[in-house]
Amino acid sequence: MRDFAVQVTHRPGELARVAQALSKRSVNIKSVAGLNIGNQGVIHFIPNDVDAARSALQESNIRFEEHEVVTVLLENQAGEFAGISGKLSDAGVNVLAVYVTGLEGDLVELAIIAEDPKKAKKALE
């Protein structure tokens, strides 16, 4: 699974520009997260088709970064996120992004985007 990160300017239409580029190539977004700080924003998403997403962004001249996704399944209760955050911290893993990719019953699946995905996987075993 791959995560795409697109930096955008904080103004109307930026999200639509990215979404329309993906739509033209029939890319379905499995999970998405976005935020704004000051005049800049970032959109993280996991596509159903990595190659099509990459091509769509390139063809639309949209700059992006691509990362491996480390997934972790947690119980949906207080302290679970603190536990995995502590493990990553203890292992010296720098986290670039984290967002929910699924909910089922009492379980939450998180996507963790780390500078060193192999180190993150090992820390979370």
N, C-alpha and C. Protein backbone atom coordinates (compact mmCIF):
# COMPACT_ATOMS: atom_id res chain seq x y z
N MET A 1 0.85 -1.17 0.00
CA MET A 1 0.00 0.00 0.00
C MET A 1 0.90 1.23 0.00
N ARG A 2 0.49 2.25 -0.77
CA ARG A 2 1.28 3.47 -0.90
C ARG A 2 0.44 4.69 -0.52
N ASP A 3 1.11 5.66 0.09
CA ASP A 3 0.52 6.94 0.46
C ASP A 3 1.09 7.99 -0.49
N PHE A 4 0.22 8.89 -0.94
CA PHE A 4 0.64 10.03 -1.74
C PHE A 4 0.40 11.28 -0.91
N ALA A 5 1.37 12.18 -0.90
CA ALA A 5 1.24 13.45 -0.18
C ALA A 5 1.39 14.57 -1.20
N VAL A 6 0.39 15.44 -1.25
CA VAL A 6 0.38 16.56 -2.18
C VAL A 6 0.31 17.84 -1.36
N GLN A 7 1.30 18.71 -1.55
CA GLN A 7 1.26 20.01 -0.89
C GLN A 7 0.45 20.96 -1.75
N VAL A 8 -0.42 21.71 -1.12
CA VAL A 8 -1.29 22.65 -1.83
C VAL A 8 -1.26 24.00 -1.14
N THR A 9 -1.66 25.01 -1.89
CA THR A 9 -1.82 26.35 -1.34
C THR A 9 -3.22 26.43 -0.74
N HIS A 10 -3.33 27.12 0.38
CA HIS A 10 -4.61 27.25 1.06
C HIS A 10 -5.48 28.27 0.32
N ARG A 11 -6.25 27.74 -0.66
CA ARG A 11 -7.18 28.58 -1.41
C ARG A 11 -8.24 27.68 -2.04
N PRO A 12 -9.39 28.23 -2.38
CA PRO A 12 -10.46 27.44 -2.96
C PRO A 12 -10.00 26.73 -4.25
N GLY A 13 -10.41 25.49 -4.40
CA GLY A 13 -10.16 24.76 -5.63
C GLY A 13 -8.99 23.81 -5.62
N GLU A 14 -8.11 23.90 -4.63
CA GLU A 14 -6.92 23.05 -4.61
C GLU A 14 -7.28 21.57 -4.42
N LEU A 15 -8.17 21.29 -3.49
CA LEU A 15 -8.61 19.91 -3.28
C LEU A 15 -9.30 19.38 -4.54
N ALA A 16 -10.13 20.19 -5.13
CA ALA A 16 -10.84 19.79 -6.35
C ALA A 16 -9.86 19.51 -7.49
N ARG A 17 -8.80 20.30 -7.60
CA ARG A 17 -7.81 20.11 -8.67
C ARG A 17 -7.17 18.72 -8.55
N VAL A 18 -6.81 18.33 -7.34
CA VAL A 18 -6.20 17.02 -7.12
C VAL A 18 -7.22 15.91 -7.36
N ALA A 19 -8.42 16.07 -6.80
CA ALA A 19 -9.46 15.05 -6.94
C ALA A 19 -9.86 14.86 -8.40
N GLN A 20 -9.95 15.93 -9.16
CA GLN A 20 -10.33 15.82 -10.57
C GLN A 20 -9.25 15.13 -11.39
N ALA A 21 -8.00 15.40 -11.08
CA ALA A 21 -6.91 14.72 -11.79
C ALA A 21 -6.99 13.22 -11.57
N LEU A 22 -7.25 12.82 -10.34
CA LEU A 22 -7.37 11.39 -10.03
C LEU A 22 -8.61 10.78 -10.67
N SER A 23 -9.69 11.52 -10.67
CA SER A 23 -10.95 11.05 -11.24
C SER A 23 -10.82 10.77 -12.74
N LYS A 24 -10.07 11.59 -13.44
CA LYS A 24 -9.89 11.41 -14.89
C LYS A 24 -9.24 10.07 -15.21
N ARG A 25 -8.47 9.54 -14.28
CA ARG A 25 -7.81 8.25 -14.47
C ARG A 25 -8.53 7.13 -13.72
N SER A 26 -9.75 7.42 -13.25
CA SER A 26 -10.59 6.46 -12.52
C SER A 26 -9.93 5.92 -11.26
N VAL A 27 -9.19 6.78 -10.58
CA VAL A 27 -8.56 6.39 -9.33
C VAL A 27 -9.55 6.58 -8.19
N ASN A 28 -9.78 5.50 -7.44
CA ASN A 28 -10.63 5.56 -6.26
C ASN A 28 -9.73 5.81 -5.05
N ILE A 29 -10.17 6.68 -4.19
CA ILE A 29 -9.40 7.00 -2.99
C ILE A 29 -9.92 6.13 -1.85
N LYS A 30 -9.04 5.27 -1.32
CA LYS A 30 -9.42 4.36 -0.24
C LYS A 30 -9.45 5.06 1.11
N SER A 31 -8.56 6.04 1.30
CA SER A 31 -8.51 6.80 2.54
C SER A 31 -7.85 8.14 2.24
N VAL A 32 -8.29 9.18 2.95
CA VAL A 32 -7.75 10.51 2.71
C VAL A 32 -7.71 11.31 4.01
N ALA A 33 -6.72 12.17 4.11
CA ALA A 33 -6.61 13.09 5.24
C ALA A 33 -5.99 14.38 4.71
N GLY A 34 -6.40 15.48 5.26
CA GLY A 34 -5.83 16.75 4.82
C GLY A 34 -5.86 17.75 5.95
N LEU A 35 -4.94 18.71 5.87
CA LEU A 35 -4.92 19.77 6.87
C LEU A 35 -4.22 20.99 6.33
N ASN A 36 -4.47 22.08 6.99
CA ASN A 36 -3.92 23.36 6.60
C ASN A 36 -3.19 23.98 7.78
N ILE A 37 -2.03 24.56 7.50
CA ILE A 37 -1.30 25.36 8.49
C ILE A 37 -0.87 26.63 7.78
N GLY A 38 -1.41 27.75 8.23
CA GLY A 38 -1.11 29.01 7.57
C GLY A 38 -1.63 29.00 6.15
N ASN A 39 -0.76 29.32 5.20
CA ASN A 39 -1.15 29.38 3.79
C ASN A 39 -0.87 28.10 3.02
N GLN A 40 -0.42 27.06 3.71
CA GLN A 40 -0.09 25.80 3.05
C GLN A 40 -0.94 24.67 3.60
N GLY A 41 -1.19 23.72 2.74
CA GLY A 41 -1.94 22.54 3.15
C GLY A 41 -1.27 21.30 2.60
N VAL A 42 -1.69 20.16 3.11
CA VAL A 42 -1.20 18.89 2.60
C VAL A 42 -2.37 17.92 2.56
N ILE A 43 -2.42 17.16 1.48
CA ILE A 43 -3.43 16.13 1.31
C ILE A 43 -2.69 14.80 1.23
N HIS A 44 -3.03 13.88 2.11
CA HIS A 44 -2.50 12.52 2.08
C HIS A 44 -3.62 11.60 1.64
N PHE A 45 -3.32 10.68 0.73
CA PHE A 45 -4.35 9.72 0.33
C PHE A 45 -3.73 8.40 -0.07
N ILE A 46 -4.54 7.37 0.05
CA ILE A 46 -4.16 6.03 -0.39
C ILE A 46 -5.09 5.67 -1.55
N PRO A 47 -4.51 5.48 -2.74
CA PRO A 47 -5.34 5.15 -3.90
C PRO A 47 -5.53 3.65 -4.07
N ASN A 48 -6.56 3.28 -4.81
CA ASN A 48 -6.77 1.87 -5.11
C ASN A 48 -5.81 1.40 -6.20
N ASP A 49 -5.31 2.31 -7.02
CA ASP A 49 -4.41 1.98 -8.12
C ASP A 49 -3.22 2.94 -8.08
N VAL A 50 -2.10 2.46 -7.57
CA VAL A 50 -0.91 3.30 -7.37
C VAL A 50 -0.38 3.84 -8.70
N ASP A 51 -0.26 2.99 -9.70
CA ASP A 51 0.28 3.43 -10.98
C ASP A 51 -0.60 4.49 -11.64
N ALA A 52 -1.91 4.29 -11.60
CA ALA A 52 -2.83 5.26 -12.19
C ALA A 52 -2.78 6.58 -11.43
N ALA A 53 -2.66 6.52 -10.10
CA ALA A 53 -2.58 7.75 -9.30
C ALA A 53 -1.30 8.51 -9.63
N ARG A 54 -0.21 7.80 -9.71
CA ARG A 54 1.08 8.41 -10.04
C ARG A 54 1.01 9.09 -11.41
N SER A 55 0.47 8.38 -12.40
CA SER A 55 0.34 8.93 -13.76
C SER A 55 -0.58 10.15 -13.78
N ALA A 56 -1.70 10.06 -13.07
CA ALA A 56 -2.66 11.16 -13.04
C ALA A 56 -2.03 12.43 -12.48
N LEU A 57 -1.29 12.30 -11.40
CA LEU A 57 -0.66 13.46 -10.80
C LEU A 57 0.44 14.02 -11.70
N GLN A 58 1.23 13.14 -12.28
CA GLN A 58 2.29 13.59 -13.19
C GLN A 58 1.72 14.30 -14.41
N GLU A 59 0.69 13.72 -15.03
CA GLU A 59 0.07 14.33 -16.21
C GLU A 59 -0.54 15.69 -15.92
N SER A 60 -0.99 15.90 -14.68
CA SER A 60 -1.59 17.18 -14.29
C SER A 60 -0.57 18.13 -13.68
N ASN A 61 0.70 17.76 -13.74
CA ASN A 61 1.79 18.58 -13.17
C ASN A 61 1.56 18.91 -11.70
N ILE A 62 1.08 17.92 -10.97
CA ILE A 62 0.87 18.07 -9.53
C ILE A 62 2.03 17.38 -8.84
N ARG A 63 2.80 18.15 -8.10
CA ARG A 63 3.95 17.59 -7.38
C ARG A 63 3.47 16.78 -6.19
N PHE A 64 4.15 15.66 -5.93
CA PHE A 64 3.75 14.79 -4.83
C PHE A 64 4.94 14.03 -4.31
N GLU A 65 4.76 13.50 -3.11
CA GLU A 65 5.71 12.56 -2.52
C GLU A 65 4.95 11.25 -2.35
N GLU A 66 5.67 10.16 -2.44
CA GLU A 66 5.06 8.85 -2.33
C GLU A 66 5.80 8.07 -1.24
N HIS A 67 5.03 7.41 -0.37
CA HIS A 67 5.62 6.69 0.75
C HIS A 67 4.96 5.32 0.94
N GLU A 68 5.72 4.42 1.51
CA GLU A 68 5.16 3.14 1.92
C GLU A 68 4.26 3.35 3.13
N VAL A 69 3.17 2.61 3.18
CA VAL A 69 2.25 2.70 4.31
C VAL A 69 2.50 1.53 5.26
N VAL A 70 2.63 1.85 6.52
CA VAL A 70 2.70 0.83 7.57
C VAL A 70 1.33 0.85 8.25
N THR A 71 0.65 -0.28 8.27
CA THR A 71 -0.66 -0.31 8.91
C THR A 71 -0.57 -1.01 10.25
N VAL A 72 -1.42 -0.57 11.15
CA VAL A 72 -1.50 -1.18 12.47
C VAL A 72 -2.97 -1.23 12.86
N LEU A 73 -3.34 -2.33 13.49
CA LEU A 73 -4.71 -2.54 13.94
C LEU A 73 -4.74 -2.37 15.46
N LEU A 74 -5.59 -1.47 15.93
CA LEU A 74 -5.68 -1.16 17.36
C LEU A 74 -7.09 -1.38 17.87
N GLU A 75 -7.19 -1.65 19.16
CA GLU A 75 -8.50 -1.64 19.79
C GLU A 75 -8.94 -0.18 19.92
N ASN A 76 -10.21 0.07 19.73
CA ASN A 76 -10.75 1.42 19.78
C ASN A 76 -11.02 1.80 21.24
N GLN A 77 -9.90 2.11 21.93
CA GLN A 77 -10.02 2.49 23.34
C GLN A 77 -8.88 3.41 23.72
N ALA A 78 -9.08 4.13 24.81
CA ALA A 78 -8.09 5.09 25.30
C ALA A 78 -6.76 4.39 25.58
N GLY A 79 -5.68 5.04 25.18
CA GLY A 79 -4.33 4.55 25.47
C GLY A 79 -3.68 3.76 24.35
N GLU A 80 -4.47 3.24 23.41
CA GLU A 80 -3.91 2.44 22.32
C GLU A 80 -2.98 3.26 21.45
N PHE A 81 -3.41 4.45 21.07
CA PHE A 81 -2.59 5.32 20.23
C PHE A 81 -1.34 5.77 20.98
N ALA A 82 -1.49 6.03 22.25
CA ALA A 82 -0.33 6.40 23.07
C ALA A 82 0.69 5.27 23.09
N GLY A 83 0.20 4.04 23.14
CA GLY A 83 1.09 2.89 23.17
C GLY A 83 1.92 2.76 21.91
N ILE A 84 1.28 2.87 20.74
CA ILE A 84 2.06 2.74 19.50
C ILE A 84 2.95 3.96 19.28
N SER A 85 2.48 5.13 19.70
CA SER A 85 3.29 6.35 19.58
C SER A 85 4.57 6.21 20.40
N GLY A 86 4.42 5.65 21.59
CA GLY A 86 5.59 5.44 22.46
C GLY A 86 6.57 4.46 21.85
N LYS A 87 6.05 3.38 21.26
CA LYS A 87 6.93 2.39 20.61
C LYS A 87 7.72 3.03 19.47
N LEU A 88 7.04 3.83 18.67
CA LEU A 88 7.71 4.50 17.55
C LEU A 88 8.76 5.49 18.06
N SER A 89 8.40 6.22 19.09
CA SER A 89 9.34 7.18 19.69
C SER A 89 10.56 6.47 20.26
N ASP A 90 10.34 5.40 21.01
CA ASP A 90 11.45 4.65 21.60
C ASP A 90 12.39 4.09 20.54
N ALA A 91 11.85 3.78 19.36
CA ALA A 91 12.66 3.24 18.27
C ALA A 91 13.30 4.33 17.42
N GLY A 92 13.02 5.59 17.75
CA GLY A 92 13.60 6.71 17.00
C GLY A 92 12.99 6.90 15.62
N VAL A 93 11.73 6.50 15.48
CA VAL A 93 11.04 6.62 14.20
C VAL A 93 10.38 7.99 14.09
N ASN A 94 10.69 8.70 13.01
CA ASN A 94 10.05 9.98 12.75
C ASN A 94 8.80 9.74 11.91
N VAL A 95 7.65 10.15 12.41
CA VAL A 95 6.37 9.94 11.73
C VAL A 95 6.03 11.18 10.91
N LEU A 96 5.71 10.95 9.63
CA LEU A 96 5.34 12.04 8.73
C LEU A 96 3.84 12.29 8.73
N ALA A 97 3.07 11.22 8.89
CA ALA A 97 1.60 11.33 8.90
C ALA A 97 1.01 10.08 9.51
N VAL A 98 -0.19 10.23 10.04
CA VAL A 98 -0.95 9.09 10.54
C VAL A 98 -2.42 9.42 10.34
N TYR A 99 -3.17 8.44 9.83
CA TYR A 99 -4.60 8.65 9.65
C TYR A 99 -5.33 7.32 9.61
N VAL A 100 -6.63 7.39 9.86
CA VAL A 100 -7.48 6.21 9.94
C VAL A 100 -7.76 5.69 8.52
N THR A 101 -7.62 4.37 8.36
CA THR A 101 -7.94 3.75 7.07
C THR A 101 -9.13 2.80 7.18
N GLY A 102 -9.54 2.48 8.40
CA GLY A 102 -10.68 1.60 8.53
C GLY A 102 -11.16 1.47 9.96
N LEU A 103 -12.44 1.21 10.10
CA LEU A 103 -13.08 0.96 11.40
C LEU A 103 -13.94 -0.29 11.25
N GLU A 104 -13.83 -1.19 12.20
CA GLU A 104 -14.69 -2.36 12.19
C GLU A 104 -14.89 -2.81 13.63
N GLY A 105 -16.13 -2.69 14.08
CA GLY A 105 -16.42 -3.07 15.46
C GLY A 105 -15.59 -2.25 16.43
N ASP A 106 -14.83 -2.94 17.26
CA ASP A 106 -13.99 -2.27 18.25
C ASP A 106 -12.55 -2.10 17.78
N LEU A 107 -12.32 -2.20 16.48
CA LEU A 107 -10.97 -2.09 15.95
C LEU A 107 -10.83 -0.89 15.02
N VAL A 108 -9.64 -0.30 15.05
CA VAL A 108 -9.30 0.84 14.20
C VAL A 108 -8.02 0.48 13.45
N GLU A 109 -8.03 0.67 12.13
CA GLU A 109 -6.81 0.48 11.35
C GLU A 109 -6.23 1.84 11.04
N LEU A 110 -4.95 2.00 11.36
CA LEU A 110 -4.25 3.26 11.10
C LEU A 110 -3.22 3.07 10.02
N ALA A 111 -3.05 4.10 9.19
CA ALA A 111 -1.94 4.18 8.24
C ALA A 111 -0.89 5.05 8.90
N ILE A 112 0.32 4.53 8.99
CA ILE A 112 1.43 5.30 9.54
C ILE A 112 2.42 5.52 8.41
N ILE A 113 2.75 6.78 8.18
CA ILE A 113 3.73 7.14 7.16
C ILE A 113 4.97 7.60 7.92
N ALA A 114 6.02 6.81 7.80
CA ALA A 114 7.24 7.08 8.56
C ALA A 114 8.42 7.29 7.61
N GLU A 115 9.40 8.05 8.08
CA GLU A 115 10.61 8.24 7.28
C GLU A 115 11.31 6.91 7.02
N ASP A 116 11.25 6.01 7.98
CA ASP A 116 11.88 4.71 7.84
C ASP A 116 10.81 3.64 8.11
N PRO A 117 10.09 3.21 7.05
CA PRO A 117 9.01 2.24 7.26
C PRO A 117 9.47 0.90 7.82
N LYS A 118 10.64 0.45 7.48
CA LYS A 118 11.15 -0.83 8.00
C LYS A 118 11.34 -0.75 9.50
N LYS A 119 11.89 0.37 9.95
CA LYS A 119 12.09 0.58 11.39
C LYS A 119 10.76 0.68 12.11
N ALA A 120 9.78 1.32 11.47
CA ALA A 120 8.44 1.46 12.06
C ALA A 120 7.78 0.10 12.20
N LYS A 121 7.87 -0.73 11.14
CA LYS A 121 7.28 -2.08 11.20
C LYS A 121 7.89 -2.89 12.34
N LYS A 122 9.19 -2.83 12.45
CA LYS A 122 9.89 -3.57 13.50
C LYS A 122 9.45 -3.10 14.89
N ALA A 123 9.31 -1.80 15.06
CA ALA A 123 8.91 -1.24 16.35
C ALA A 123 7.51 -1.66 16.74
N LEU A 124 6.66 -1.89 15.75
CA LEU A 124 5.25 -2.19 16.01
C LEU A 124 4.93 -3.68 16.03
N GLU A 125 5.94 -4.54 15.84
CA GLU A 125 5.73 -5.99 15.87
C GLU A 125 5.32 -6.45 17.25
